[in-house]
Amino acid sequence: MTLSAHTIVQAHQGLVDKSFSAVELAEACLAQISNHDEKLNVYLTVTKDEALASAKKVDEKIANGESIGMLEGIPVAVKDLFNTKGVRTTCASNGLRDFVPPYDATSISMLRDKGMVMLGKTNLDEHACGASTENSFYGVTKNPWDLECVAGGSSGGSA
């Protein structure tokens, strides 16, 4: 099984067992994005540097013999509807194309506190108004199993 296909439980156990590092896990997921996003249009923003820096902190914690929580070092894709401090948040709208929030949404703050590794921000219907992710200013998100089908509801990028 490739690292990017692990469930959260499998990824957590692999980190605890030192079968792979958080950086290796993040790099595997970033490679998947790099290899497939051009045809799928899932990510509006990829946060590679932030992801690798967050993963490195988890690896340092493990190397120091500290225990990690279930979400520490786990790669996460964030719907581009949630404010992320210092990271562009567009809500898939042209009107917000340059908006960089000065604070995190509460849910994002909680995930950061738990040690998530944010890979980037995913596509959606503009302002989450729609049901197929065909109404994004940034284009349609494709279904990875069948490019002729929609990816999901208003959260198609996350799906």
C-alpha atoms as a PDB file:
ATOM      1  CA  MET A   1       0.000   0.000   0.000  1.00  0.00           C
ATOM      2  CA  THR A   2       1.291   3.442  -0.868  1.00  0.00           C
ATOM      3  CA  LEU A   3       1.700   5.893   1.998  1.00  0.00           C
ATOM      4  CA  SER A   4      -0.905   8.264   0.582  1.00  0.00           C
ATOM      5  CA  ALA A   5      -3.543   5.479   0.719  1.00  0.00           C
ATOM      6  CA  HIS A   6      -3.248   4.879   4.475  1.00  0.00           C
ATOM      7  CA  THR A   7      -6.219   5.528   6.732  1.00  0.00           C
ATOM      8  CA  ILE A   8      -5.709   7.881   9.666  1.00  0.00           C
ATOM      9  CA  VAL A   9      -5.339   4.916  12.019  1.00  0.00           C
ATOM     10  CA  GLN A  10      -2.807   3.201   9.724  1.00  0.00           C
ATOM     11  CA  ALA A  11      -0.839   6.416   9.236  1.00  0.00           C
ATOM     12  CA  HIS A  12      -0.791   7.133  12.964  1.00  0.00           C
ATOM     13  CA  GLN A  13       0.414   3.601  13.747  1.00  0.00           C
ATOM     14  CA  GLY A  14       3.102   3.832  11.069  1.00  0.00           C
ATOM     15  CA  LEU A  15       4.363   7.083  12.591  1.00  0.00           C
ATOM     16  CA  VAL A  16       4.347   5.605  16.109  1.00  0.00           C
ATOM     17  CA  ASP A  17       6.122   2.441  14.894  1.00  0.00           C
ATOM     18  CA  LYS A  18       8.590   4.585  12.924  1.00  0.00           C
ATOM     19  CA  SER A  19       7.743   2.634   9.758  1.00  0.00           C
ATOM     20  CA  PHE A  20       7.884   5.998   7.980  1.00  0.00           C
ATOM     21  CA  SER A  21       8.238   9.608   8.973  1.00  0.00           C
ATOM     22  CA  ALA A  22       5.656  12.379   8.929  1.00  0.00           C
ATOM     23  CA  VAL A  23       7.749  14.100   6.259  1.00  0.00           C
ATOM     24  CA  GLU A  24       7.688  10.954   4.095  1.00  0.00           C
ATOM     25  CA  LEU A  25       3.918  10.717   4.564  1.00  0.00           C
ATOM     26  CA  ALA A  26       3.416  14.363   3.618  1.00  0.00           C
ATOM     27  CA  GLU A  27       5.745  14.030   0.614  1.00  0.00           C
ATOM     28  CA  ALA A  28       3.779  10.995  -0.619  1.00  0.00           C
ATOM     29  CA  CYS A  29       0.528  12.959  -0.446  1.00  0.00           C
ATOM     30  CA  LEU A  30       2.094  16.010  -2.098  1.00  0.00           C
ATOM     31  CA  ALA A  31       3.363  13.740  -4.894  1.00  0.00           C
ATOM     32  CA  GLN A  32      -0.196  12.490  -5.444  1.00  0.00           C
ATOM     33  CA  ILE A  33      -1.365  16.093  -5.734  1.00  0.00           C
ATOM     34  CA  SER A  34       1.438  16.899  -8.151  1.00  0.00           C
ATOM     35  CA  ASN A  35       0.750  13.813 -10.267  1.00  0.00           C
ATOM     36  CA  HIS A  36      -3.038  14.097 -10.500  1.00  0.00           C
ATOM     37  CA  ASP A  37      -4.346  17.567  -9.682  1.00  0.00           C
ATOM     38  CA  GLU A  38      -3.883  19.018 -13.155  1.00  0.00           C
ATOM     39  CA  LYS A  39      -6.595  16.710 -14.516  1.00  0.00           C
ATOM     40  CA  LEU A  40      -8.773  16.643 -11.369  1.00  0.00           C
ATOM     41  CA  ASN A  41      -8.690  20.314 -10.259  1.00  0.00           C
ATOM     42  CA  VAL A  42      -9.001  19.412  -6.582  1.00  0.00           C
ATOM     43  CA  TYR A  43      -6.622  21.931  -4.992  1.00  0.00           C
ATOM     44  CA  LEU A  44      -6.937  25.697  -5.303  1.00  0.00           C
ATOM     45  CA  THR A  45      -3.862  26.237  -3.125  1.00  0.00           C
ATOM     46  CA  VAL A  46      -1.150  23.739  -2.178  1.00  0.00           C
ATOM     47  CA  THR A  47       0.746  24.522   1.030  1.00  0.00           C
ATOM     48  CA  LYS A  48       3.827  22.392   0.454  1.00  0.00           C
ATOM     49  CA  ASP A  49       6.250  24.409   2.614  1.00  0.00           C
ATOM     50  CA  GLU A  50       3.817  24.625   5.522  1.00  0.00           C
ATOM     51  CA  ALA A  51       3.012  20.915   5.253  1.00  0.00           C
ATOM     52  CA  LEU A  52       6.649  19.861   5.303  1.00  0.00           C
ATOM     53  CA  ALA A  53       7.474  22.218   8.198  1.00  0.00           C
ATOM     54  CA  SER A  54       4.546  20.858  10.237  1.00  0.00           C
ATOM     55  CA  ALA A  55       5.556  17.274   9.456  1.00  0.00           C
ATOM     56  CA  LYS A  56       9.142  17.973  10.475  1.00  0.00           C
ATOM     57  CA  LYS A  57       7.959  19.187  13.907  1.00  0.00           C
ATOM     58  CA  VAL A  58       6.112  15.911  14.421  1.00  0.00           C
ATOM     59  CA  ASP A  59       9.173  13.911  13.368  1.00  0.00           C
ATOM     60  CA  GLU A  60      11.283  15.852  15.876  1.00  0.00           C
ATOM     61  CA  LYS A  61       8.758  15.097  18.605  1.00  0.00           C
ATOM     62  CA  ILE A  62       8.875  11.371  17.778  1.00  0.00           C
ATOM     63  CA  ALA A  63      12.692  11.421  17.626  1.00  0.00           C
ATOM     64  CA  ASN A  64      12.727  12.947  21.123  1.00  0.00           C
ATOM     65  CA  GLY A  65      10.701  10.008  22.429  1.00  0.00           C
ATOM     66  CA  GLU A  66       7.511  12.010  22.910  1.00  0.00           C
ATOM     67  CA  SER A  67       4.144  10.424  22.223  1.00  0.00           C
ATOM     68  CA  ILE A  68       1.931  11.877  19.522  1.00  0.00           C
ATOM     69  CA  GLY A  69      -1.808  12.337  19.299  1.00  0.00           C
ATOM     70  CA  MET A  70      -3.969  10.624  16.692  1.00  0.00           C
ATOM     71  CA  LEU A  71      -3.935  13.596  14.282  1.00  0.00           C
ATOM     72  CA  GLU A  72      -0.317  14.665  14.725  1.00  0.00           C
ATOM     73  CA  GLY A  73       1.505  14.298  11.425  1.00  0.00           C
ATOM     74  CA  ILE A  74      -1.644  13.336   9.531  1.00  0.00           C
ATOM     75  CA  PRO A  75      -1.999  15.081   6.144  1.00  0.00           C
ATOM     76  CA  VAL A  76      -5.261  17.001   5.782  1.00  0.00           C
ATOM     77  CA  ALA A  77      -6.940  18.771   2.875  1.00  0.00           C
ATOM     78  CA  VAL A  78      -8.971  21.804   3.952  1.00  0.00           C
ATOM     79  CA  LYS A  79     -12.049  23.010   2.090  1.00  0.00           C
ATOM     80  CA  ASP A  80     -11.294  26.499   0.796  1.00  0.00           C
ATOM     81  CA  LEU A  81     -14.316  27.804   2.672  1.00  0.00           C
ATOM     82  CA  PHE A  82     -12.471  27.842   6.024  1.00  0.00           C
ATOM     83  CA  ASN A  83     -10.213  30.730   6.949  1.00  0.00           C
ATOM     84  CA  THR A  84      -6.580  29.711   7.314  1.00  0.00           C
ATOM     85  CA  LYS A  85      -4.256  32.307   8.794  1.00  0.00           C
ATOM     86  CA  GLY A  86      -1.696  33.411   6.238  1.00  0.00           C
ATOM     87  CA  VAL A  87      -3.028  31.094   3.517  1.00  0.00           C
ATOM     88  CA  ARG A  88      -5.265  32.315   0.698  1.00  0.00           C
ATOM     89  CA  THR A  89      -8.960  31.564   1.233  1.00  0.00           C
ATOM     90  CA  THR A  90     -11.081  32.152  -1.869  1.00  0.00           C
ATOM     91  CA  CYS A  91     -14.358  30.276  -1.258  1.00  0.00           C
ATOM     92  CA  ALA A  92     -13.856  29.420  -4.961  1.00  0.00           C
ATOM     93  CA  SER A  93     -14.827  32.993  -5.821  1.00  0.00           C
ATOM     94  CA  ASN A  94     -13.088  35.503  -8.046  1.00  0.00           C
ATOM     95  CA  GLY A  95     -14.084  38.225  -5.584  1.00  0.00           C
ATOM     96  CA  LEU A  96     -11.919  36.625  -2.868  1.00  0.00           C
ATOM     97  CA  ARG A  97      -9.042  35.505  -5.119  1.00  0.00           C
ATOM     98  CA  ASP A  98      -6.477  37.534  -3.141  1.00  0.00           C
ATOM     99  CA  PHE A  99      -7.945  37.225   0.365  1.00  0.00           C
ATOM    100  CA  VAL A 100      -5.454  36.028   2.988  1.00  0.00           C
ATOM    101  CA  PRO A 101      -7.155  35.874   6.378  1.00  0.00           C
ATOM    102  CA  PRO A 102      -5.402  37.178   9.508  1.00  0.00           C
ATOM    103  CA  TYR A 103      -6.859  34.359  11.634  1.00  0.00           C
ATOM    104  CA  ASP A 104      -7.887  30.694  11.478  1.00  0.00           C
ATOM    105  CA  ALA A 105     -11.459  29.463  11.569  1.00  0.00           C
ATOM    106  CA  THR A 106     -12.134  27.735  14.899  1.00  0.00           C
ATOM    107  CA  SER A 107     -12.140  24.293  13.251  1.00  0.00           C
ATOM    108  CA  ILE A 108      -8.768  24.971  11.615  1.00  0.00           C
ATOM    109  CA  SER A 109      -7.311  26.281  14.866  1.00  0.00           C
ATOM    110  CA  MET A 110      -8.424  23.091  16.589  1.00  0.00           C
ATOM    111  CA  LEU A 111      -6.883  20.911  13.867  1.00  0.00           C
ATOM    112  CA  ARG A 112      -3.624  22.861  14.018  1.00  0.00           C
ATOM    113  CA  ASP A 113      -3.580  22.417  17.805  1.00  0.00           C
ATOM    114  CA  LYS A 114      -3.862  18.665  17.233  1.00  0.00           C
ATOM    115  CA  GLY A 115      -0.856  18.695  14.882  1.00  0.00           C
ATOM    116  CA  MET A 116      -2.477  18.271  11.479  1.00  0.00           C
ATOM    117  CA  VAL A 117      -0.328  18.677   8.379  1.00  0.00           C
ATOM    118  CA  MET A 118      -2.273  20.917   5.999  1.00  0.00           C
ATOM    119  CA  LEU A 119      -1.592  19.969   2.391  1.00  0.00           C
ATOM    120  CA  GLY A 120      -3.675  22.774   0.945  1.00  0.00           C
ATOM    121  CA  LYS A 121      -7.104  24.179   0.200  1.00  0.00           C
ATOM    122  CA  THR A 122      -9.641  22.283  -1.914  1.00  0.00           C
ATOM    123  CA  ASN A 123     -12.115  23.348  -4.569  1.00  0.00           C
ATOM    124  CA  LEU A 124     -15.846  23.776  -3.970  1.00  0.00           C
ATOM    125  CA  ASP A 125     -18.905  25.373  -5.483  1.00  0.00           C
ATOM    126  CA  GLU A 126     -18.490  29.145  -5.141  1.00  0.00           C
ATOM    127  CA  HIS A 127     -19.313  30.077  -1.530  1.00  0.00           C
ATOM    128  CA  ALA A 128     -20.533  26.460  -1.118  1.00  0.00           C
ATOM    129  CA  CYS A 129     -23.653  27.353  -3.131  1.00  0.00           C
ATOM    130  CA  GLY A 130     -24.225  24.339  -5.321  1.00  0.00           C
ATOM    131  CA  ALA A 131     -24.325  20.587  -5.271  1.00  0.00           C
ATOM    132  CA  SER A 132     -21.693  19.293  -7.694  1.00  0.00           C
ATOM    133  CA  THR A 133     -18.528  21.459  -7.597  1.00  0.00           C
ATOM    134  CA  GLU A 134     -19.309  22.529 -11.151  1.00  0.00           C
ATOM    135  CA  ASN A 135     -19.852  26.141 -10.072  1.00  0.00           C
ATOM    136  CA  SER A 136     -16.387  27.150  -8.910  1.00  0.00           C
ATOM    137  CA  PHE A 137     -14.750  30.222 -10.410  1.00  0.00           C
ATOM    138  CA  TYR A 138     -11.639  28.026 -10.685  1.00  0.00           C
ATOM    139  CA  GLY A 139     -13.284  25.276 -12.729  1.00  0.00           C
ATOM    140  CA  VAL A 140     -14.957  21.922 -12.254  1.00  0.00           C
ATOM    141  CA  THR A 141     -13.487  19.300  -9.948  1.00  0.00           C
ATOM    142  CA  LYS A 142     -13.372  15.920 -11.666  1.00  0.00           C
ATOM    143  CA  ASN A 143     -14.168  12.572 -10.079  1.00  0.00           C
ATOM    144  CA  PRO A 144     -10.900  10.566  -9.863  1.00  0.00           C
ATOM    145  CA  TRP A 145     -12.714   7.291 -10.600  1.00  0.00           C
ATOM    146  CA  ASP A 146     -14.591   8.614 -13.651  1.00  0.00           C
ATOM    147  CA  LEU A 147     -13.602  11.971 -15.158  1.00  0.00           C
ATOM    148  CA  GLU A 148     -17.059  12.277 -16.739  1.00  0.00           C
ATOM    149  CA  CYS A 149     -18.756  12.297 -13.318  1.00  0.00           C
ATOM    150  CA  VAL A 150     -18.912  15.004 -10.668  1.00  0.00           C
ATOM    151  CA  ALA A 151     -16.654  14.632  -7.657  1.00  0.00           C
ATOM    152  CA  GLY A 152     -19.271  15.243  -5.001  1.00  0.00           C
ATOM    153  CA  GLY A 153     -21.490  17.895  -3.526  1.00  0.00           C
ATOM    154  CA  SER A 154     -20.427  21.448  -2.795  1.00  0.00           C
ATOM    155  CA  SER A 155     -17.294  19.902  -1.243  1.00  0.00           C
ATOM    156  CA  GLY A 156     -16.185  18.104  -4.392  1.00  0.00           C
ATOM    157  CA  GLY A 157     -12.527  19.006  -3.929  1.00  0.00           C
ATOM    158  CA  SER A 158     -12.542  17.473  -0.473  1.00  0.00           C
ATOM    159  CA  ALA A 159     -14.478  14.460  -1.731  1.00  0.00           C
END
